Amino acid sequence: MMTDPIADLITRIRNAQMVGKATVSTPASRLRARLLDVLEGEGFIRGYTRTDYDGGKAEIEVELKYHEGRPVITSIDRVSKPGRRVYSAARDLDPICNGLGISIISTSRGLMSDTDARQANVGGEILCTVI
C-alpha cells in the first residue's frame, strides 16, 4: 500500500523529466487526475490519458512538456505531507516566484491553483508547488 500517492506522482514526474522521457505512467486515481488537470490547465504538462485494464486496474499516462529541450517544470515539491498537513486561508496564499509558479490547493470546491483559489476566496490544504 502506498502511503502518499501525490508524492509518488510528483517523484515520477520529476524523475522522468531528469532523464528526458516524453511520457510517464502512474496508477490511476481521481485525486491524481484532478492534480494533472490543474497542471494541464496551467500549461505545465501536455496532457494525460487514462487506460483501464482487466481486473479493475487503471493507469494514467502523462505527456510531459519540454521547451527547447528543457523541461517546463523546473521544480515540483510536495508541501503538505501525511505527517504534517499545511493549510492556508485565501488571503494568506502568496504568489510563487512572483506569479511564474503555482501552488495546487485542495479546497472544498476541488483542486485548484492558488490564483483560482484567491479569486474564489477559498483556502485549503496546500498540496504542492510547481515552478
Protein backbone atom coordinates (compact mmCIF):
# COMPACT_ATOMS: atom_id res chain seq x y z
CA MET A 1 0.00 0.00 0.00
CA MET A 2 1.27 3.44 -0.94
CA THR A 3 1.08 5.97 1.90
CA ASP A 4 1.38 9.15 -0.19
CA PRO A 5 0.12 8.86 -3.79
CA ILE A 6 0.65 12.56 -4.53
CA ALA A 7 4.32 12.38 -3.56
CA ASP A 8 4.63 9.27 -5.74
CA LEU A 9 3.18 11.12 -8.75
CA ILE A 10 5.42 14.14 -8.16
CA THR A 11 8.50 11.93 -7.89
CA ARG A 12 7.62 10.04 -11.07
CA ILE A 13 7.25 13.33 -12.98
CA ARG A 14 10.49 14.74 -11.56
CA ASN A 15 12.49 11.56 -12.34
CA ALA A 16 11.10 11.24 -15.87
CA GLN A 17 11.96 14.84 -16.70
CA MET A 18 15.51 14.46 -15.35
CA VAL A 19 16.19 11.72 -17.92
CA GLY A 20 14.22 13.43 -20.71
CA LYS A 21 11.32 10.99 -21.12
CA ALA A 22 8.33 12.08 -23.19
CA THR A 23 5.75 10.24 -21.07
CA VAL A 24 5.46 8.71 -17.63
CA SER A 25 2.86 6.27 -16.32
CA THR A 26 1.33 6.13 -12.85
CA PRO A 27 -1.51 4.21 -11.19
CA ALA A 28 -4.83 5.96 -11.73
CA SER A 29 -6.92 7.71 -9.08
CA ARG A 30 -9.36 10.61 -9.09
CA LEU A 31 -7.03 12.75 -6.96
CA ARG A 32 -4.11 12.25 -9.35
CA ALA A 33 -6.37 13.03 -12.32
CA ARG A 34 -7.58 16.29 -10.75
CA LEU A 35 -3.98 17.29 -9.93
CA LEU A 36 -2.99 16.59 -13.54
CA ASP A 37 -6.00 18.65 -14.72
CA VAL A 38 -4.61 21.65 -12.84
CA LEU A 39 -1.10 21.08 -14.26
CA GLU A 40 -2.51 20.80 -17.78
CA GLY A 41 -4.67 23.89 -17.35
CA GLU A 42 -1.69 25.93 -16.21
CA GLY A 43 0.47 24.68 -19.11
CA PHE A 44 2.97 22.56 -17.21
CA ILE A 45 2.14 19.26 -18.98
CA ARG A 46 0.77 18.47 -22.45
CA GLY A 47 -1.98 16.20 -21.16
CA TYR A 48 -2.75 12.73 -19.90
CA THR A 49 -4.76 9.66 -20.86
CA ARG A 50 -6.35 7.05 -18.64
CA THR A 51 -6.19 3.37 -19.59
CA ASP A 52 -8.40 0.78 -17.89
CA TYR A 53 -7.20 -2.83 -17.75
CA ASP A 54 -8.92 -6.10 -16.90
CA GLY A 55 -9.35 -6.75 -13.20
CA GLY A 56 -10.25 -3.16 -12.30
CA LYS A 57 -6.72 -1.78 -12.63
CA ALA A 58 -6.20 1.57 -14.34
CA GLU A 59 -3.18 3.60 -15.33
CA ILE A 60 -2.58 7.23 -16.27
CA GLU A 61 -0.07 8.11 -18.99
CA VAL A 62 1.23 11.68 -18.52
CA GLU A 63 2.67 13.55 -21.52
CA LEU A 64 5.47 15.78 -20.25
CA LYS A 65 6.15 19.16 -21.80
CA TYR A 66 9.52 20.50 -22.91
CA HIS A 67 10.55 23.88 -24.34
CA GLU A 68 13.73 23.98 -26.45
CA GLY A 69 14.82 20.67 -24.96
CA ARG A 70 14.40 21.77 -21.34
CA PRO A 71 11.55 20.65 -19.06
CA VAL A 72 8.78 23.21 -18.49
CA ILE A 73 8.58 22.11 -14.83
CA THR A 74 11.84 23.24 -13.23
CA SER A 75 10.78 22.44 -9.68
CA ILE A 76 7.88 20.47 -8.23
CA ASP A 77 7.78 19.99 -4.46
CA ARG A 78 5.32 18.45 -2.00
CA VAL A 79 4.26 20.92 0.71
CA SER A 80 1.61 19.20 2.82
CA LYS A 81 2.67 15.70 3.83
CA PRO A 82 0.85 12.93 5.72
CA GLY A 83 2.91 13.70 8.82
CA ARG A 84 2.50 17.48 8.60
CA ARG A 85 -0.54 18.99 6.92
CA VAL A 86 -0.24 22.61 5.75
CA TYR A 87 -3.39 24.72 5.43
CA SER A 88 -3.82 28.30 4.32
CA ALA A 89 -6.62 30.83 4.10
CA ALA A 90 -7.28 32.53 0.75
CA ARG A 91 -5.85 35.86 1.94
CA ASP A 92 -2.60 34.17 3.04
CA LEU A 93 -1.86 32.47 -0.31
CA ASP A 94 1.22 34.21 -1.67
CA PRO A 95 2.23 34.06 -5.36
CA ILE A 96 5.02 31.58 -6.15
CA CYS A 97 8.06 33.18 -7.84
CA ASN A 98 6.14 36.42 -8.47
CA GLY A 99 3.42 34.57 -10.34
CA LEU A 100 5.65 32.35 -12.51
CA GLY A 101 4.83 29.27 -10.45
CA ILE A 102 1.69 27.91 -8.83
CA SER A 103 0.57 26.20 -5.67
CA ILE A 104 -2.02 23.46 -6.01
CA ILE A 105 -4.64 23.77 -3.29
CA SER A 106 -7.20 21.18 -2.18
CA THR A 107 -10.30 23.22 -1.37
CA SER A 108 -13.92 22.47 -0.60
CA ARG A 109 -14.58 23.18 -4.30
CA GLY A 110 -11.97 20.70 -5.52
CA LEU A 111 -8.33 21.04 -6.53
CA MET A 112 -7.32 24.40 -8.00
CA SER A 113 -4.32 26.66 -8.47
CA ASP A 114 -3.55 29.38 -5.94
CA THR A 115 -4.72 32.14 -8.30
CA ASP A 116 -8.09 30.42 -8.78
CA ALA A 117 -8.38 29.91 -5.01
CA ARG A 118 -7.71 33.61 -4.36
CA GLN A 119 -10.32 34.60 -6.96
CA ALA A 120 -12.88 32.19 -5.46
CA ASN A 121 -11.87 33.35 -1.94
CA VAL A 122 -11.40 29.78 -0.64
CA GLY A 123 -8.49 28.34 1.29
CA GLY A 124 -7.45 24.79 1.90
CA GLU A 125 -4.60 22.34 2.06
CA ILE A 126 -1.52 23.28 0.02
CA LEU A 127 -0.61 20.05 -1.78
CA CYS A 128 2.43 21.12 -3.82
CA THR A 129 4.22 23.99 -5.52
CA VAL A 130 5.25 23.98 -9.18
CA ILE A 131 7.74 26.31 -10.84
